[in-house]
C-alpha atoms as a PDB file:
ATOM      1  CA  MET A   1       5.410 -33.889 -26.421  1.00  0.00           C
ATOM      2  CA  ASN A   2       2.963 -36.428 -25.179  1.00  0.00           C
ATOM      3  CA  TYR A   3      -0.569 -35.860 -23.955  1.00  0.00           C
ATOM      4  CA  ARG A   4       0.323 -36.530 -20.316  1.00  0.00           C
ATOM      5  CA  THR A   5       3.036 -33.834 -20.292  1.00  0.00           C
ATOM      6  CA  VAL A   6       0.687 -31.289 -21.846  1.00  0.00           C
ATOM      7  CA  ARG A   7      -1.970 -32.018 -19.216  1.00  0.00           C
ATOM      8  CA  LEU A   8       0.559 -31.704 -16.398  1.00  0.00           C
ATOM      9  CA  GLU A   9       1.878 -28.388 -17.726  1.00  0.00           C
ATOM     10  CA  SER A  10      -1.677 -27.097 -18.135  1.00  0.00           C
ATOM     11  CA  ALA A  11      -2.521 -28.078 -14.578  1.00  0.00           C
ATOM     12  CA  VAL A  12       0.584 -26.325 -13.245  1.00  0.00           C
ATOM     13  CA  LEU A  13      -0.200 -23.143 -15.193  1.00  0.00           C
ATOM     14  CA  LEU A  14      -3.770 -23.172 -13.936  1.00  0.00           C
ATOM     15  CA  LEU A  15      -2.578 -23.599 -10.366  1.00  0.00           C
ATOM     16  CA  VAL A  16      -0.136 -20.696 -10.724  1.00  0.00           C
ATOM     17  CA  ALA A  17      -2.908 -18.483 -12.148  1.00  0.00           C
ATOM     18  CA  VAL A  18      -5.233 -19.326  -9.262  1.00  0.00           C
ATOM     19  CA  VAL A  19      -2.538 -18.615  -6.671  1.00  0.00           C
ATOM     20  CA  LEU A  20      -1.671 -15.265  -8.262  1.00  0.00           C
ATOM     21  CA  ALA A  21      -5.325 -14.257  -8.512  1.00  0.00           C
ATOM     22  CA  ALA A  22      -5.896 -15.105  -4.861  1.00  0.00           C
ATOM     23  CA  ALA A  23      -2.768 -13.246  -3.744  1.00  0.00           C
ATOM     24  CA  ALA A  24      -3.730  -9.891  -5.301  1.00  0.00           C
ATOM     25  CA  PRO A  25      -6.774  -9.221  -3.064  1.00  0.00           C
ATOM     26  CA  ALA A  26      -4.875 -10.502  -0.034  1.00  0.00           C
ATOM     27  CA  HIS A  27      -2.087  -8.021  -0.769  1.00  0.00           C
ATOM     28  CA  ALA A  28      -4.631  -5.186  -0.944  1.00  0.00           C
ATOM     29  CA  GLN A  29      -6.147  -6.298   2.372  1.00  0.00           C
ATOM     30  CA  ASP A  30      -2.686  -6.486   3.919  1.00  0.00           C
ATOM     31  CA  ALA A  31      -1.958  -2.914   2.796  1.00  0.00           C
ATOM     32  CA  GLY A  32      -5.217  -1.734   4.335  1.00  0.00           C
ATOM     33  CA  ALA A  33      -4.444  -3.437   7.629  1.00  0.00           C
ATOM     34  CA  LEU A  34      -0.897  -2.081   7.553  1.00  0.00           C
ATOM     35  CA  TYR A  35      -2.197   1.431   6.856  1.00  0.00           C
ATOM     36  CA  LYS A  36      -4.573   1.179   9.809  1.00  0.00           C
ATOM     37  CA  ALA A  37      -1.776  -0.068  12.051  1.00  0.00           C
ATOM     38  CA  LYS A  38       0.949   2.381  11.018  1.00  0.00           C
ATOM     39  CA  CYS A  39      -0.618   5.409   9.323  1.00  0.00           C
ATOM     40  CA  SER A  40      -4.185   6.014  10.415  1.00  0.00           C
ATOM     41  CA  VAL A  41      -3.195   7.334  13.847  1.00  0.00           C
ATOM     42  CA  CYS A  42      -2.004  10.522  12.154  1.00  0.00           C
ATOM     43  CA  HIS A  43      -3.618  10.394   8.712  1.00  0.00           C
ATOM     44  CA  SER A  44      -7.038   9.028   9.852  1.00  0.00           C
ATOM     45  CA  ASP A  45      -8.734   5.944   8.441  1.00  0.00           C
ATOM     46  CA  ASP A  46      -9.908   7.888   5.395  1.00  0.00           C
ATOM     47  CA  GLY A  47      -6.533   9.570   4.783  1.00  0.00           C
ATOM     48  CA  SER A  48      -7.834  13.047   5.630  1.00  0.00           C
ATOM     49  CA  GLY A  49      -5.581  13.663   8.634  1.00  0.00           C
ATOM     50  CA  SER A  50      -8.618  15.163  10.366  1.00  0.00           C
ATOM     51  CA  GLY A  51      -8.269  13.301  13.665  1.00  0.00           C
ATOM     52  CA  ALA A  52      -6.938  14.906  16.827  1.00  0.00           C
ATOM     53  CA  THR A  53      -3.389  13.591  16.363  1.00  0.00           C
ATOM     54  CA  GLY A  54      -3.367  14.481  12.675  1.00  0.00           C
ATOM     55  CA  LYS A  55      -4.516  18.027  13.372  1.00  0.00           C
ATOM     56  CA  GLN A  56      -1.958  18.445  16.149  1.00  0.00           C
ATOM     57  CA  LEU A  57       0.886  17.277  13.891  1.00  0.00           C
ATOM     58  CA  GLY A  58      -0.377  18.961  10.732  1.00  0.00           C
ATOM     59  CA  ALA A  59      -0.636  15.623   8.921  1.00  0.00           C
ATOM     60  CA  LYS A  60      -1.265  15.918   5.213  1.00  0.00           C
ATOM     61  CA  ASP A  61      -4.526  14.857   3.654  1.00  0.00           C
ATOM     62  CA  LEU A  62      -3.325  11.861   1.641  1.00  0.00           C
ATOM     63  CA  ARG A  63      -6.289  12.287  -0.701  1.00  0.00           C
ATOM     64  CA  SER A  64      -5.266  15.839  -1.636  1.00  0.00           C
ATOM     65  CA  ASP A  65      -3.974  16.847  -5.052  1.00  0.00           C
ATOM     66  CA  ASP A  66      -0.616  17.802  -3.477  1.00  0.00           C
ATOM     67  CA  VAL A  67      -0.074  14.237  -2.318  1.00  0.00           C
ATOM     68  CA  GLN A  68      -1.715  12.456  -5.246  1.00  0.00           C
ATOM     69  CA  LYS A  69       0.318  14.352  -7.863  1.00  0.00           C
ATOM     70  CA  GLN A  70       3.514  12.912  -6.372  1.00  0.00           C
ATOM     71  CA  THR A  71       5.013   9.969  -8.207  1.00  0.00           C
ATOM     72  CA  ASP A  72       5.012   6.524  -6.673  1.00  0.00           C
ATOM     73  CA  ALA A  73       8.763   6.928  -6.192  1.00  0.00           C
ATOM     74  CA  GLN A  74       8.239  10.152  -4.225  1.00  0.00           C
ATOM     75  CA  LEU A  75       5.586   8.577  -2.004  1.00  0.00           C
ATOM     76  CA  ASN A  76       7.807   5.535  -1.537  1.00  0.00           C
ATOM     77  CA  ASP A  77      10.646   7.853  -0.484  1.00  0.00           C
ATOM     78  CA  SER A  78       8.431   9.693   2.014  1.00  0.00           C
ATOM     79  CA  ILE A  79       7.334   6.445   3.619  1.00  0.00           C
ATOM     80  CA  SER A  80      10.827   4.957   3.562  1.00  0.00           C
ATOM     81  CA  ASN A  81      12.750   7.965   4.825  1.00  0.00           C
ATOM     82  CA  GLY A  82      10.109   9.883   6.747  1.00  0.00           C
ATOM     83  CA  VAL A  83       9.068  13.507   6.335  1.00  0.00           C
ATOM     84  CA  GLY A  84      10.593  16.222   8.483  1.00  0.00           C
ATOM     85  CA  LYS A  85      10.691  15.545  12.184  1.00  0.00           C
ATOM     86  CA  LYS A  86       7.086  14.396  12.511  1.00  0.00           C
ATOM     87  CA  MET A  87       6.705  11.408  10.199  1.00  0.00           C
ATOM     88  CA  PRO A  88       8.991   8.496  11.050  1.00  0.00           C
ATOM     89  CA  ALA A  89      11.013   6.559   8.508  1.00  0.00           C
ATOM     90  CA  TYR A  90       9.775   3.037   7.864  1.00  0.00           C
ATOM     91  CA  LYS A  91      12.789   1.798   5.924  1.00  0.00           C
ATOM     92  CA  GLY A  92      14.014  -1.317   7.690  1.00  0.00           C
ATOM     93  CA  LYS A  93      10.739  -1.573   9.617  1.00  0.00           C
ATOM     94  CA  LEU A  94       8.629  -2.446   6.573  1.00  0.00           C
ATOM     95  CA  THR A  95       9.594  -4.461   3.519  1.00  0.00           C
ATOM     96  CA  ASP A  96       9.823  -2.871   0.080  1.00  0.00           C
ATOM     97  CA  ASN A  97       6.643  -4.729  -0.895  1.00  0.00           C
ATOM     98  CA  GLN A  98       4.788  -3.428   2.141  1.00  0.00           C
ATOM     99  CA  ILE A  99       5.800   0.132   1.271  1.00  0.00           C
ATOM    100  CA  LYS A 100       4.678  -0.382  -2.334  1.00  0.00           C
ATOM    101  CA  GLY A 101       1.383  -1.686  -0.990  1.00  0.00           C
ATOM    102  CA  LEU A 102       0.964   1.448   1.130  1.00  0.00           C
ATOM    103  CA  VAL A 103       1.604   3.643  -1.906  1.00  0.00           C
ATOM    104  CA  ALA A 104      -1.095   1.772  -3.805  1.00  0.00           C
ATOM    105  CA  TYR A 105      -3.430   2.080  -0.807  1.00  0.00           C
ATOM    106  CA  ILE A 106      -2.833   5.844  -0.662  1.00  0.00           C
ATOM    107  CA  ARG A 107      -3.814   6.035  -4.335  1.00  0.00           C
ATOM    108  CA  GLU A 108      -7.046   4.214  -3.518  1.00  0.00           C
ATOM    109  CA  LEU A 109      -7.879   6.627  -0.682  1.00  0.00           C
ATOM    110  CA  ALA A 110      -8.183   9.469  -3.188  1.00  0.00           C
ATOM    111  CA  LYS A 111     -10.737   7.478  -5.191  1.00  0.00           C
ATOM    112  CA  LYS A 112     -12.924   7.102  -2.096  1.00  0.00           C
ATOM    113  CA  LYS A 113     -12.937  10.838  -1.346  1.00  0.00           C
END
């Protein structure tokens, strides 16, 4: 392999690393914005469900042990397929990656409690 090829490959790898590093915080911000747009009406900005709509519907506190002890797959299922008659299903309305981002965001809410 010649020096020029090694430099080109190094530059490409560096570019990929920079793009991936920049995408991670953007994904977290997207999940926060998505949560505020789709979830906070019932679950409140802090995940407590303490707002008027949340209290009326009996929305769960997403920071609670009952919610946080669920696996990511269980939370993913709840978001995808809805819960009972009160929480709508988001499968087909959100992408799989958006739902995964919401699950991660819900995990972060418990850390802010």
